[in-house]
Amino acid sequence: MVKRSGTGQPDFIRLGYKIWLEKDKAILGAGLFKLLSQILGLGSISQAAKVMGMSYRAAWGKIKMAEKRLGIPLVITQVGGEMGGGARLTPEAEELLNKFDRLWREVDNFAESSFKEIFKGWTGP
């Protein structure tokens, strides 16, 4: 017997997809989006990397690769000192995050509604 969720879709099937931006190769996807969002919230690359379970070196490498492909700086760092070190996003990076987030939400809404419409009533194999 096929169990159904409240949406009328069989429980064993759901929609999955990934979204990323490209310029020659992938530039911004879920991973870098989450990393930059963590930096925005925490003010630190090392803390953002820690939260995401990656090394500082891996996080910095992702940022530098994206900056190289985009041709713009994404993160501004401040070394130690009296106020402590830290990192913040450039205005361009914040704008990119906002646009990517908006794109993600709009694609997600479209994909989910299309999935529900197309698979409504399907009982599966």
PDB file of N, CA and C in Angstrom:
ATOM      1  N   MET A   1       0.836  -1.180   0.000  1.00  0.00           N
ATOM      2  CA  MET A   1       0.000   0.000   0.000  1.00  0.00           C
ATOM      3  C   MET A   1       0.884   1.248   0.000  1.00  0.00           C
ATOM      4  N   VAL A   2       0.538   2.247  -0.785  1.00  0.00           N
ATOM      5  CA  VAL A   2       1.286   3.499  -0.874  1.00  0.00           C
ATOM      6  C   VAL A   2       0.740   4.468   0.165  1.00  0.00           C
ATOM      7  N   LYS A   3       1.620   4.944   1.040  1.00  0.00           N
ATOM      8  CA  LYS A   3       1.219   5.959   2.012  1.00  0.00           C
ATOM      9  C   LYS A   3       1.211   7.309   1.315  1.00  0.00           C
ATOM     10  N   ARG A   4       0.287   8.134   1.677  1.00  0.00           N
ATOM     11  CA  ARG A   4       0.203   9.459   1.076  1.00  0.00           C
ATOM     12  C   ARG A   4       0.434  10.529   2.137  1.00  0.00           C
ATOM     13  N   SER A   5       1.082  11.594   1.707  1.00  0.00           N
ATOM     14  CA  SER A   5       1.251  12.731   2.602  1.00  0.00           C
ATOM     15  C   SER A   5       0.025  13.630   2.456  1.00  0.00           C
ATOM     16  N   GLY A   6      -0.044  14.663   3.235  1.00  0.00           N
ATOM     17  CA  GLY A   6      -1.167  15.585   3.182  1.00  0.00           C
ATOM     18  C   GLY A   6      -1.284  16.323   1.859  1.00  0.00           C
ATOM     19  N   THR A   7      -0.242  16.300   1.055  1.00  0.00           N
ATOM     20  CA  THR A   7      -0.263  17.021  -0.211  1.00  0.00           C
ATOM     21  C   THR A   7      -0.828  16.186  -1.344  1.00  0.00           C
ATOM     22  N   GLY A   8      -1.196  14.939  -1.060  1.00  0.00           N
ATOM     23  CA  GLY A   8      -1.722  14.076  -2.114  1.00  0.00           C
ATOM     24  C   GLY A   8      -0.642  13.366  -2.904  1.00  0.00           C
ATOM     25  N   GLN A   9       0.629  13.528  -2.527  1.00  0.00           N
ATOM     26  CA  GLN A   9       1.733  12.865  -3.215  1.00  0.00           C
ATOM     27  C   GLN A   9       2.088  11.588  -2.459  1.00  0.00           C
ATOM     28  N   PRO A  10       2.507  10.554  -3.177  1.00  0.00           N
ATOM     29  CA  PRO A  10       2.997   9.362  -2.475  1.00  0.00           C
ATOM     30  C   PRO A  10       4.184   9.744  -1.589  1.00  0.00           C
ATOM     31  N   ASP A  11       4.278   9.154  -0.391  1.00  0.00           N
ATOM     32  CA  ASP A  11       5.356   9.482   0.542  1.00  0.00           C
ATOM     33  C   ASP A  11       6.731   9.076   0.013  1.00  0.00           C
ATOM     34  N   PHE A  12       6.793   8.127  -0.904  1.00  0.00           N
ATOM     35  CA  PHE A  12       8.081   7.626  -1.358  1.00  0.00           C
ATOM     36  C   PHE A  12       8.697   8.471  -2.464  1.00  0.00           C
ATOM     37  N   ILE A  13       7.995   9.473  -2.926  1.00  0.00           N
ATOM     38  CA  ILE A  13       8.549  10.293  -4.005  1.00  0.00           C
ATOM     39  C   ILE A  13       8.477  11.767  -3.615  1.00  0.00           C
ATOM     40  N   ARG A  14       9.560  12.450  -3.902  1.00  0.00           N
ATOM     41  CA  ARG A  14       9.598  13.886  -3.654  1.00  0.00           C
ATOM     42  C   ARG A  14      10.517  14.530  -4.679  1.00  0.00           C
ATOM     43  N   LEU A  15      10.421  15.806  -4.797  1.00  0.00           N
ATOM     44  CA  LEU A  15      11.205  16.554  -5.761  1.00  0.00           C
ATOM     45  C   LEU A  15      12.557  16.911  -5.175  1.00  0.00           C
ATOM     46  N   GLY A  16      13.608  16.781  -5.957  1.00  0.00           N
ATOM     47  CA  GLY A  16      14.945  17.194  -5.564  1.00  0.00           C
ATOM     48  C   GLY A  16      15.611  17.916  -6.727  1.00  0.00           C
ATOM     49  N   TYR A  17      16.387  18.921  -6.426  1.00  0.00           N
ATOM     50  CA  TYR A  17      17.112  19.660  -7.460  1.00  0.00           C
ATOM     51  C   TYR A  17      18.180  20.529  -6.800  1.00  0.00           C
ATOM     52  N   LYS A  18      19.082  21.010  -7.618  1.00  0.00           N
ATOM     53  CA  LYS A  18      20.127  21.922  -7.152  1.00  0.00           C
ATOM     54  C   LYS A  18      20.144  23.133  -8.070  1.00  0.00           C
ATOM     55  N   ILE A  19      20.534  24.245  -7.504  1.00  0.00           N
ATOM     56  CA  ILE A  19      20.654  25.488  -8.272  1.00  0.00           C
ATOM     57  C   ILE A  19      22.038  26.063  -8.015  1.00  0.00           C
ATOM     58  N   TRP A  20      22.679  26.534  -9.058  1.00  0.00           N
ATOM     59  CA  TRP A  20      23.953  27.218  -8.893  1.00  0.00           C
ATOM     60  C   TRP A  20      24.133  28.214 -10.019  1.00  0.00           C
ATOM     61  N   LEU A  21      25.014  29.169  -9.810  1.00  0.00           N
ATOM     62  CA  LEU A  21      25.372  30.148 -10.831  1.00  0.00           C
ATOM     63  C   LEU A  21      26.709  29.735 -11.423  1.00  0.00           C
ATOM     64  N   GLU A  22      26.861  29.973 -12.712  1.00  0.00           N
ATOM     65  CA  GLU A  22      28.088  29.594 -13.408  1.00  0.00           C
ATOM     66  C   GLU A  22      28.686  30.766 -14.165  1.00  0.00           C
ATOM     67  N   LYS A  23      29.976  30.740 -14.261  1.00  0.00           N
ATOM     68  CA  LYS A  23      30.745  31.588 -15.172  1.00  0.00           C
ATOM     69  C   LYS A  23      31.972  30.747 -15.469  1.00  0.00           C
ATOM     70  N   ASP A  24      31.980  30.085 -16.575  1.00  0.00           N
ATOM     71  CA  ASP A  24      32.947  29.059 -16.944  1.00  0.00           C
ATOM     72  C   ASP A  24      32.668  27.771 -16.158  1.00  0.00           C
ATOM     73  N   LYS A  25      32.700  27.841 -14.853  1.00  0.00           N
ATOM     74  CA  LYS A  25      32.371  26.717 -13.981  1.00  0.00           C
ATOM     75  C   LYS A  25      31.469  27.239 -12.874  1.00  0.00           C
ATOM     76  N   ALA A  26      31.009  26.347 -12.011  1.00  0.00           N
ATOM     77  CA  ALA A  26      30.146  26.761 -10.904  1.00  0.00           C
ATOM     78  C   ALA A  26      30.829  27.829 -10.053  1.00  0.00           C
ATOM     79  N   ILE A  27      30.072  28.858  -9.710  1.00  0.00           N
ATOM     80  CA  ILE A  27      30.585  29.933  -8.872  1.00  0.00           C
ATOM     81  C   ILE A  27      29.880  29.933  -7.527  1.00  0.00           C
ATOM     82  N   LEU A  28      28.566  29.957  -7.578  1.00  0.00           N
ATOM     83  CA  LEU A  28      27.796  30.082  -6.353  1.00  0.00           C
ATOM     84  C   LEU A  28      26.698  29.033  -6.333  1.00  0.00           C
ATOM     85  N   GLY A  29      26.781  28.173  -5.336  1.00  0.00           N
ATOM     86  CA  GLY A  29      25.754  27.168  -5.104  1.00  0.00           C
ATOM     87  C   GLY A  29      25.412  27.179  -3.631  1.00  0.00           C
ATOM     88  N   ALA A  30      24.753  26.130  -3.187  1.00  0.00           N
ATOM     89  CA  ALA A  30      24.293  26.059  -1.800  1.00  0.00           C
ATOM     90  C   ALA A  30      25.444  26.187  -0.796  1.00  0.00           C
ATOM     91  N   GLY A  31      26.573  25.547  -1.065  1.00  0.00           N
ATOM     92  CA  GLY A  31      27.692  25.566  -0.125  1.00  0.00           C
ATOM     93  C   GLY A  31      28.268  26.952   0.088  1.00  0.00           C
ATOM     94  N   LEU A  32      28.596  27.637  -0.981  1.00  0.00           N
ATOM     95  CA  LEU A  32      29.165  28.977  -0.854  1.00  0.00           C
ATOM     96  C   LEU A  32      28.111  29.949  -0.331  1.00  0.00           C
ATOM     97  N   PHE A  33      26.865  29.770  -0.742  1.00  0.00           N
ATOM     98  CA  PHE A  33      25.785  30.606  -0.228  1.00  0.00           C
ATOM     99  C   PHE A  33      25.709  30.494   1.295  1.00  0.00           C
ATOM    100  N   LYS A  34      25.747  29.277   1.809  1.00  0.00           N
ATOM    101  CA  LYS A  34      25.688  29.064   3.259  1.00  0.00           C
ATOM    102  C   LYS A  34      26.927  29.640   3.949  1.00  0.00           C
ATOM    103  N   LEU A  35      28.093  29.451   3.339  1.00  0.00           N
ATOM    104  CA  LEU A  35      29.325  29.975   3.920  1.00  0.00           C
ATOM    105  C   LEU A  35      29.279  31.497   4.009  1.00  0.00           C
ATOM    106  N   LEU A  36      28.912  32.160   2.922  1.00  0.00           N
ATOM    107  CA  LEU A  36      28.843  33.619   2.933  1.00  0.00           C
ATOM    108  C   LEU A  36      27.770  34.112   3.901  1.00  0.00           C
ATOM    109  N   SER A  37      26.664  33.404   3.983  1.00  0.00           N
ATOM    110  CA  SER A  37      25.608  33.776   4.930  1.00  0.00           C
ATOM    111  C   SER A  37      26.102  33.663   6.370  1.00  0.00           C
ATOM    112  N   GLN A  38      26.882  32.636   6.660  1.00  0.00           N
ATOM    113  CA  GLN A  38      27.449  32.471   7.998  1.00  0.00           C
ATOM    114  C   GLN A  38      28.441  33.589   8.307  1.00  0.00           C
ATOM    115  N   ILE A  39      29.255  33.957   7.331  1.00  0.00           N
ATOM    116  CA  ILE A  39      30.212  35.056   7.524  1.00  0.00           C
ATOM    117  C   ILE A  39      29.445  36.352   7.803  1.00  0.00           C
ATOM    118  N   LEU A  40      28.380  36.574   7.058  1.00  0.00           N
ATOM    119  CA  LEU A  40      27.554  37.765   7.266  1.00  0.00           C
ATOM    120  C   LEU A  40      27.022  37.802   8.691  1.00  0.00           C
ATOM    121  N   GLY A  41      26.552  36.675   9.171  1.00  0.00           N
ATOM    122  CA  GLY A  41      25.979  36.623  10.510  1.00  0.00           C
ATOM    123  C   GLY A  41      26.996  36.604  11.642  1.00  0.00           C
ATOM    124  N   LEU A  42      28.117  35.926  11.424  1.00  0.00           N
ATOM    125  CA  LEU A  42      29.105  35.742  12.493  1.00  0.00           C
ATOM    126  C   LEU A  42      30.259  36.734  12.466  1.00  0.00           C
ATOM    127  N   GLY A  43      30.511  37.325  11.302  1.00  0.00           N
ATOM    128  CA  GLY A  43      31.614  38.273  11.189  1.00  0.00           C
ATOM    129  C   GLY A  43      32.982  37.625  11.226  1.00  0.00           C
ATOM    130  N   SER A  44      33.042  36.336  10.870  1.00  0.00           N
ATOM    131  CA  SER A  44      34.302  35.606  10.959  1.00  0.00           C
ATOM    132  C   SER A  44      34.313  34.437   9.979  1.00  0.00           C
ATOM    133  N   ILE A  45      35.390  34.338   9.207  1.00  0.00           N
ATOM    134  CA  ILE A  45      35.540  33.199   8.298  1.00  0.00           C
ATOM    135  C   ILE A  45      35.791  31.929   9.102  1.00  0.00           C
ATOM    136  N   SER A  46      36.626  32.014  10.111  1.00  0.00           N
ATOM    137  CA  SER A  46      36.950  30.817  10.888  1.00  0.00           C
ATOM    138  C   SER A  46      35.718  30.287  11.626  1.00  0.00           C
ATOM    139  N   GLN A  47      34.915  31.171  12.197  1.00  0.00           N
ATOM    140  CA  GLN A  47      33.696  30.727  12.874  1.00  0.00           C
ATOM    141  C   GLN A  47      32.687  30.156  11.881  1.00  0.00           C
ATOM    142  N   ALA A  48      32.573  30.779  10.711  1.00  0.00           N
ATOM    143  CA  ALA A  48      31.666  30.281   9.674  1.00  0.00           C
ATOM    144  C   ALA A  48      32.098  28.895   9.215  1.00  0.00           C
ATOM    145  N   ALA A  49      33.399  28.731   9.013  1.00  0.00           N
ATOM    146  CA  ALA A  49      33.931  27.431   8.590  1.00  0.00           C
ATOM    147  C   ALA A  49      33.655  26.374   9.649  1.00  0.00           C
ATOM    148  N   LYS A  50      33.855  26.734  10.897  1.00  0.00           N
ATOM    149  CA  LYS A  50      33.632  25.808  12.005  1.00  0.00           C
ATOM    150  C   LYS A  50      32.176  25.341  12.042  1.00  0.00           C
ATOM    151  N   VAL A  51      31.242  26.277  11.917  1.00  0.00           N
ATOM    152  CA  VAL A  51      29.813  25.959  11.920  1.00  0.00           C
ATOM    153  C   VAL A  51      29.472  25.003  10.769  1.00  0.00           C
ATOM    154  N   MET A  52      30.149  25.181   9.647  1.00  0.00           N
ATOM    155  CA  MET A  52      29.870  24.350   8.470  1.00  0.00           C
ATOM    156  C   MET A  52      30.667  23.055   8.443  1.00  0.00           C
ATOM    157  N   GLY A  53      31.532  22.860   9.441  1.00  0.00           N
ATOM    158  CA  GLY A  53      32.303  21.624   9.496  1.00  0.00           C
ATOM    159  C   GLY A  53      33.404  21.543   8.456  1.00  0.00           C
ATOM    160  N   MET A  54      33.990  22.690   8.130  1.00  0.00           N
ATOM    161  CA  MET A  54      35.106  22.708   7.173  1.00  0.00           C
ATOM    162  C   MET A  54      36.271  23.472   7.767  1.00  0.00           C
ATOM    163  N   SER A  55      37.416  23.288   7.188  1.00  0.00           N
ATOM    164  CA  SER A  55      38.600  23.999   7.660  1.00  0.00           C
ATOM    165  C   SER A  55      38.564  25.449   7.180  1.00  0.00           C
ATOM    166  N   TYR A  56      39.297  26.298   7.895  1.00  0.00           N
ATOM    167  CA  TYR A  56      39.429  27.692   7.479  1.00  0.00           C
ATOM    168  C   TYR A  56      40.023  27.751   6.079  1.00  0.00           C
ATOM    169  N   ARG A  57      41.009  26.901   5.841  1.00  0.00           N
ATOM    170  CA  ARG A  57      41.685  26.882   4.536  1.00  0.00           C
ATOM    171  C   ARG A  57      40.714  26.534   3.404  1.00  0.00           C
ATOM    172  N   ALA A  58      39.833  25.555   3.641  1.00  0.00           N
ATOM    173  CA  ALA A  58      38.844  25.175   2.622  1.00  0.00           C
ATOM    174  C   ALA A  58      37.865  26.324   2.375  1.00  0.00           C
ATOM    175  N   ALA A  59      37.429  26.967   3.451  1.00  0.00           N
ATOM    176  CA  ALA A  59      36.497  28.085   3.323  1.00  0.00           C
ATOM    177  C   ALA A  59      37.143  29.236   2.543  1.00  0.00           C
ATOM    178  N   TRP A  60      38.361  29.580   2.913  1.00  0.00           N
ATOM    179  CA  TRP A  60      39.076  30.659   2.240  1.00  0.00           C
ATOM    180  C   TRP A  60      39.300  30.314   0.769  1.00  0.00           C
ATOM    181  N   GLY A  61      39.600  29.060   0.482  1.00  0.00           N
ATOM    182  CA  GLY A  61      39.794  28.629  -0.903  1.00  0.00           C
ATOM    183  C   GLY A  61      38.526  28.780  -1.729  1.00  0.00           C
ATOM    184  N   LYS A  62      37.369  28.423  -1.171  1.00  0.00           N
ATOM    185  CA  LYS A  62      36.085  28.583  -1.871  1.00  0.00           C
ATOM    186  C   LYS A  62      35.827  30.058  -2.177  1.00  0.00           C
ATOM    187  N   ILE A  63      36.092  30.890  -1.189  1.00  0.00           N
ATOM    188  CA  ILE A  63      35.865  32.323  -1.361  1.00  0.00           C
ATOM    189  C   ILE A  63      36.776  32.878  -2.453  1.00  0.00           C
ATOM    190  N   LYS A  64      38.056  32.562  -2.384  1.00  0.00           N
ATOM    191  CA  LYS A  64      39.019  33.086  -3.354  1.00  0.00           C
ATOM    192  C   LYS A  64      38.711  32.603  -4.776  1.00  0.00           C
ATOM    193  N   MET A  65      38.302  31.343  -4.927  1.00  0.00           N
ATOM    194  CA  MET A  65      37.956  30.819  -6.247  1.00  0.00           C
ATOM    195  C   MET A  65      36.743  31.562  -6.818  1.00  0.00           C
ATOM    196  N   ALA A  66      35.755  31.796  -5.990  1.00  0.00           N
ATOM    197  CA  ALA A  66      34.564  32.517  -6.439  1.00  0.00           C
ATOM    198  C   ALA A  66      34.915  33.958  -6.802  1.00  0.00           C
ATOM    199  N   GLU A  67      35.750  34.588  -5.992  1.00  0.00           N
ATOM    200  CA  GLU A  67      36.171  35.960  -6.288  1.00  0.00           C
ATOM    201  C   GLU A  67      36.905  36.031  -7.625  1.00  0.00           C
ATOM    202  N   LYS A  68      37.758  35.049  -7.876  1.00  0.00           N
ATOM    203  CA  LYS A  68      38.522  35.009  -9.124  1.00  0.00           C
ATOM    204  C   LYS A  68      37.588  34.861 -10.323  1.00  0.00           C
ATOM    205  N   ARG A  69      36.633  33.942 -10.223  1.00  0.00           N
ATOM    206  CA  ARG A  69      35.711  33.702 -11.344  1.00  0.00           C
ATOM    207  C   ARG A  69      34.759  34.870 -11.565  1.00  0.00           C
ATOM    208  N   LEU A  70      34.310  35.490 -10.474  1.00  0.00           N
ATOM    209  CA  LEU A  70      33.398  36.623 -10.603  1.00  0.00           C
ATOM    210  C   LEU A  70      34.113  37.918 -10.976  1.00  0.00           C
ATOM    211  N   GLY A  71      35.374  38.014 -10.563  1.00  0.00           N
ATOM    212  CA  GLY A  71      36.128  39.233 -10.828  1.00  0.00           C
ATOM    213  C   GLY A  71      35.812  40.356  -9.847  1.00  0.00           C
ATOM    214  N   ILE A  72      35.264  40.005  -8.684  1.00  0.00           N
ATOM    215  CA  ILE A  72      34.961  40.996  -7.641  1.00  0.00           C
ATOM    216  C   ILE A  72      35.312  40.421  -6.276  1.00  0.00           C
ATOM    217  N   PRO A  73      35.663  41.290  -5.320  1.00  0.00           N
ATOM    218  CA  PRO A  73      35.896  40.800  -3.959  1.00  0.00           C
ATOM    219  C   PRO A  73      34.560  40.487  -3.292  1.00  0.00           C
ATOM    220  N   LEU A  74      34.547  39.445  -2.485  1.00  0.00           N
ATOM    221  CA  LEU A  74      33.342  39.051  -1.756  1.00  0.00           C
ATOM    222  C   LEU A  74      33.466  39.296  -0.253  1.00  0.00           C
ATOM    223  N   VAL A  75      34.689  39.171   0.258  1.00  0.00           N
ATOM    224  CA  VAL A  75      34.915  39.272   1.700  1.00  0.00           C
ATOM    225  C   VAL A  75      36.057  40.243   1.969  1.00  0.00           C
ATOM    226  N   ILE A  76      35.874  41.064   3.013  1.00  0.00           N
ATOM    227  CA  ILE A  76      36.918  41.967   3.478  1.00  0.00           C
ATOM    228  C   ILE A  76      37.307  41.486   4.873  1.00  0.00           C
ATOM    229  N   THR A  77      38.608  41.264   5.057  1.00  0.00           N
ATOM    230  CA  THR A  77      39.078  40.773   6.347  1.00  0.00           C
ATOM    231  C   THR A  77      39.795  41.876   7.109  1.00  0.00           C
ATOM    232  N   GLN A  78      39.774  41.742   8.431  1.00  0.00           N
ATOM    233  CA  GLN A  78      40.478  42.668   9.314  1.00  0.00           C
ATOM    234  C   GLN A  78      41.312  41.815  10.255  1.00  0.00           C
ATOM    235  N   VAL A  79      42.591  42.086  10.307  1.00  0.00           N
ATOM    236  CA  VAL A  79      43.499  41.307  11.135  1.00  0.00           C
ATOM    237  C   VAL A  79      43.489  41.827  12.561  1.00  0.00           C
ATOM    238  N   GLY A  80      43.376  40.922  13.520  1.00  0.00           N
ATOM    239  CA  GLY A  80      43.498  41.174  14.967  1.00  0.00           C
ATOM    240  C   GLY A  80      43.388  42.592  15.439  1.00  0.00           C
ATOM    241  N   GLY A  81      44.303  42.984  16.305  1.00  0.00           N
ATOM    242  CA  GLY A  81      44.320  44.343  16.822  1.00  0.00           C
ATOM    243  C   GLY A  81      43.463  44.495  18.060  1.00  0.00           C
ATOM    244  N   GLU A  82      43.296  45.726  18.470  1.00  0.00           N
ATOM    245  CA  GLU A  82      42.559  46.046  19.692  1.00  0.00           C
ATOM    246  C   GLU A  82      41.104  45.586  19.644  1.00  0.00           C
ATOM    247  N   MET A  83      40.460  45.729  18.522  1.00  0.00           N
ATOM    248  CA  MET A  83      39.054  45.351  18.367  1.00  0.00           C
ATOM    249  C   MET A  83      38.890  43.901  17.917  1.00  0.00           C
ATOM    250  N   GLY A  84      39.996  43.213  17.702  1.00  0.00           N
ATOM    251  CA  GLY A  84      39.918  41.827  17.231  1.00  0.00           C
ATOM    252  C   GLY A  84      39.783  41.774  15.727  1.00  0.00           C
ATOM    253  N   GLY A  85      40.043  40.614  15.185  1.00  0.00           N
ATOM    254  CA  GLY A  85      39.942  40.442  13.742  1.00  0.00           C
ATOM    255  C   GLY A  85      38.520  40.132  13.337  1.00  0.00           C
ATOM    256  N   GLY A  86      38.344  39.877  12.079  1.00  0.00           N
ATOM    257  CA  GLY A  86      37.013  39.533  11.609  1.00  0.00           C
ATOM    258  C   GLY A  86      36.919  39.610  10.108  1.00  0.00           C
ATOM    259  N   ALA A  87      35.730  39.395   9.624  1.00  0.00           N
ATOM    260  CA  ALA A  87      35.477  39.450   8.194  1.00  0.00           C
ATOM    261  C   ALA A  87      34.070  39.968   7.974  1.00  0.00           C
ATOM    262  N   ARG A  88      33.897  40.651   6.867  1.00  0.00           N
ATOM    263  CA  ARG A  88      32.567  41.107   6.477  1.00  0.00           C
ATOM    264  C   ARG A  88      32.429  40.976   4.968  1.00  0.00           C
ATOM    265  N   LEU A  89      31.212  40.900   4.537  1.00  0.00           N
ATOM    266  CA  LEU A  89      30.966  40.790   3.104  1.00  0.00           C
ATOM    267  C   LEU A  89      31.028  42.162   2.457  1.00  0.00           C
ATOM    268  N   THR A  90      31.459  42.189   1.215  1.00  0.00           N
ATOM    269  CA  THR A  90      31.427  43.419   0.435  1.00  0.00           C
ATOM    270  C   THR A  90      29.974  43.712   0.071  1.00  0.00           C
ATOM    271  N   PRO A  91      29.662  44.943  -0.274  1.00  0.00           N
ATOM    272  CA  PRO A  91      28.294  45.252  -0.722  1.00  0.00           C
ATOM    273  C   PRO A  91      27.882  44.382  -1.915  1.00  0.00           C
ATOM    274  N   GLU A  92      28.827  44.093  -2.814  1.00  0.00           N
ATOM    275  CA  GLU A  92      28.528  43.240  -3.974  1.00  0.00           C
ATOM    276  C   GLU A  92      28.169  41.825  -3.540  1.00  0.00           C
ATOM    277  N   ALA A  93      28.859  41.320  -2.525  1.00  0.00           N
ATOM    278  CA  ALA A  93      28.575  39.978  -2.022  1.00  0.00           C
ATOM    279  C   ALA A  93      27.202  39.930  -1.363  1.00  0.00           C
ATOM    280  N   GLU A  94      26.865  40.961  -0.606  1.00  0.00           N
ATOM    281  CA  GLU A  94      25.541  40.999   0.022  1.00  0.00           C
ATOM    282  C   GLU A  94      24.444  41.053  -1.030  1.00  0.00           C
ATOM    283  N   GLU A  95      24.659  41.838  -2.078  1.00  0.00           N
ATOM    284  CA  GLU A  95      23.683  41.915  -3.163  1.00  0.00           C
ATOM    285  C   GLU A  95      23.555  40.562  -3.865  1.00  0.00           C
ATOM    286  N   LEU A  96      24.681  39.906  -4.108  1.00  0.00           N
ATOM    287  CA  LEU A  96      24.674  38.583  -4.738  1.00  0.00           C
ATOM    288  C   LEU A  96      23.907  37.579  -3.884  1.00  0.00           C
ATOM    289  N   LEU A  97      24.140  37.593  -2.566  1.00  0.00           N
ATOM    290  CA  LEU A  97      23.410  36.699  -1.661  1.00  0.00           C
ATOM    291  C   LEU A  97      21.909  36.959  -1.721  1.00  0.00           C
ATOM    292  N   ASN A  98      21.531  38.216  -1.682  1.00  0.00           N
ATOM    293  CA  ASN A  98      20.110  38.560  -1.730  1.00  0.00           C
ATOM    294  C   ASN A  98      19.460  38.111  -3.029  1.00  0.00           C
ATOM    295  N   LYS A  99      20.147  38.323  -4.140  1.00  0.00           N
ATOM    296  CA  LYS A  99      19.599  37.915  -5.435  1.00  0.00           C
ATOM    297  C   LYS A  99      19.524  36.391  -5.553  1.00  0.00           C
ATOM    298  N   PHE A 100      20.544  35.699  -5.083  1.00  0.00           N
ATOM    299  CA  PHE A 100      20.550  34.243  -5.149  1.00  0.00           C
ATOM    300  C   PHE A 100      19.452  33.668  -4.260  1.00  0.00           C
ATOM    301  N   ASP A 101      19.280  34.253  -3.081  1.00  0.00           N
ATOM    302  CA  ASP A 101      18.226  33.808  -2.176  1.00  0.00           C
ATOM    303  C   ASP A 101      16.854  33.997  -2.818  1.00  0.00           C
ATOM    304  N   ARG A 102      16.656  35.139  -3.429  1.00  0.00           N
ATOM    305  CA  ARG A 102      15.374  35.403  -4.113  1.00  0.00           C
ATOM    306  C   ARG A 102      15.158  34.409  -5.246  1.00  0.00           C
ATOM    307  N   LEU A 103      16.181  34.188  -6.054  1.00  0.00           N
ATOM    308  CA  LEU A 103      16.086  33.220  -7.146  1.00  0.00           C
ATOM    309  C   LEU A 103      15.734  31.841  -6.607  1.00  0.00           C
ATOM    310  N   TRP A 104      16.424  31.426  -5.551  1.00  0.00           N
ATOM    311  CA  TRP A 104      16.217  30.111  -4.951  1.00  0.00           C
ATOM    312  C   TRP A 104      14.767  29.951  -4.491  1.00  0.00           C
ATOM    313  N   ARG A 105      14.243  30.977  -3.800  1.00  0.00           N
ATOM    314  CA  ARG A 105      12.867  30.902  -3.300  1.00  0.00           C
ATOM    315  C   ARG A 105      11.862  30.846  -4.447  1.00  0.00           C
ATOM    316  N   GLU A 106      12.084  31.642  -5.494  1.00  0.00           N
ATOM    317  CA  GLU A 106      11.149  31.648  -6.620  1.00  0.00           C
ATOM    318  C   GLU A 106      11.191  30.339  -7.389  1.00  0.00           C
ATOM    319  N   VAL A 107      12.379  29.801  -7.630  1.00  0.00           N
ATOM    320  CA  VAL A 107      12.495  28.510  -8.312  1.00  0.00           C
ATOM    321  C   VAL A 107      11.877  27.410  -7.456  1.00  0.00           C
ATOM    322  N   ASP A 108      12.113  27.456  -6.148  1.00  0.00           N
ATOM    323  CA  ASP A 108      11.559  26.456  -5.241  1.00  0.00           C
ATOM    324  C   ASP A 108      10.027  26.480  -5.269  1.00  0.00           C
ATOM    325  N   ASN A 109       9.435  27.658  -5.194  1.00  0.00           N
ATOM    326  CA  ASN A 109       7.976  27.775  -5.242  1.00  0.00           C
ATOM    327  C   ASN A 109       7.423  27.234  -6.556  1.00  0.00           C
ATOM    328  N   PHE A 110       8.066  27.605  -7.669  1.00  0.00           N
ATOM    329  CA  PHE A 110       7.617  27.123  -8.981  1.00  0.00           C
ATOM    330  C   PHE A 110       7.758  25.613  -9.089  1.00  0.00           C
ATOM    331  N   ALA A 111       8.908  25.091  -8.673  1.00  0.00           N
ATOM    332  CA  ALA A 111       9.160  23.652  -8.782  1.00  0.00           C
ATOM    333  C   ALA A 111       8.184  22.856  -7.922  1.00  0.00           C
ATOM    334  N   GLU A 112       7.964  23.291  -6.688  1.00  0.00           N
ATOM    335  CA  GLU A 112       7.050  22.582  -5.791  1.00  0.00           C
ATOM    336  C   GLU A 112       5.623  22.600  -6.322  1.00  0.00           C
ATOM    337  N   SER A 113       5.153  23.761  -6.772  1.00  0.00           N
ATOM    338  CA  SER A 113       3.776  23.827  -7.278  1.00  0.00           C
ATOM    339  C   SER A 113       3.632  23.007  -8.554  1.00  0.00           C
ATOM    340  N   SER A 114       4.641  23.021  -9.416  1.00  0.00           N
ATOM    341  CA  SER A 114       4.601  22.208 -10.638  1.00  0.00           C
ATOM    342  C   SER A 114       4.595  20.724 -10.300  1.00  0.00           C
ATOM    343  N   PHE A 115       5.435  20.337  -9.346  1.00  0.00           N
ATOM    344  CA  PHE A 115       5.501  18.943  -8.925  1.00  0.00           C
ATOM    345  C   PHE A 115       4.144  18.477  -8.398  1.00  0.00           C
ATOM    346  N   LYS A 116       3.543  19.263  -7.525  1.00  0.00           N
ATOM    347  CA  LYS A 116       2.249  18.892  -6.946  1.00  0.00           C
ATOM    348  C   LYS A 116       1.174  18.769  -8.020  1.00  0.00           C
ATOM    349  N   GLU A 117       1.179  19.696  -8.967  1.00  0.00           N
ATOM    350  CA  GLU A 117       0.184  19.668 -10.034  1.00  0.00           C
ATOM    351  C   GLU A 117       0.380  18.459 -10.947  1.00  0.00           C
ATOM    352  N   ILE A 118       1.589  18.237 -11.352  1.00  0.00           N
ATOM    353  CA  ILE A 118       1.888  17.155 -12.310  1.00  0.00           C
ATOM    354  C   ILE A 118       1.701  15.780 -11.697  1.00  0.00           C
ATOM    355  N   PHE A 119       2.072  15.593 -10.438  1.00  0.00           N
ATOM    356  CA  PHE A 119       2.016  14.272  -9.806  1.00  0.00           C
ATOM    357  C   PHE A 119       0.766  14.052  -8.950  1.00  0.00           C
ATOM    358  N   LYS A 120      -0.130  15.005  -8.926  1.00  0.00           N
ATOM    359  CA  LYS A 120      -1.353  14.868  -8.127  1.00  0.00           C
ATOM    360  C   LYS A 120      -2.116  13.612  -8.542  1.00  0.00           C
ATOM    361  N   GLY A 121      -2.430  12.800  -7.552  1.00  0.00           N
ATOM    362  CA  GLY A 121      -3.197  11.596  -7.815  1.00  0.00           C
ATOM    363  C   GLY A 121      -2.416  10.412  -8.338  1.00  0.00           C
ATOM    364  N   TRP A 122      -1.128  10.593  -8.608  1.00  0.00           N
ATOM    365  CA  TRP A 122      -0.318   9.475  -9.107  1.00  0.00           C
ATOM    366  C   TRP A 122      -0.068   8.511  -7.981  1.00  0.00           C
ATOM    367  N   THR A 123      -0.330   7.238  -8.241  1.00  0.00           N
ATOM    368  CA  THR A 123      -0.170   6.231  -7.200  1.00  0.00           C
ATOM    369  C   THR A 123       1.181   5.530  -7.274  1.00  0.00           C
ATOM    370  N   GLY A 124       1.946   5.834  -8.280  1.00  0.00           N
ATOM    371  CA  GLY A 124       3.296   5.258  -8.386  1.00  0.00           C
ATOM    372  C   GLY A 124       3.298   3.848  -8.967  1.00  0.00           C
ATOM    373  N   PRO A 125       4.483   3.274  -9.062  1.00  0.00           N
ATOM    374  CA  PRO A 125       4.604   1.947  -9.639  1.00  0.00           C
ATOM    375  C   PRO A 125       4.066   0.862  -8.705  1.00  0.00           C
TER     376      PRO A 125
END
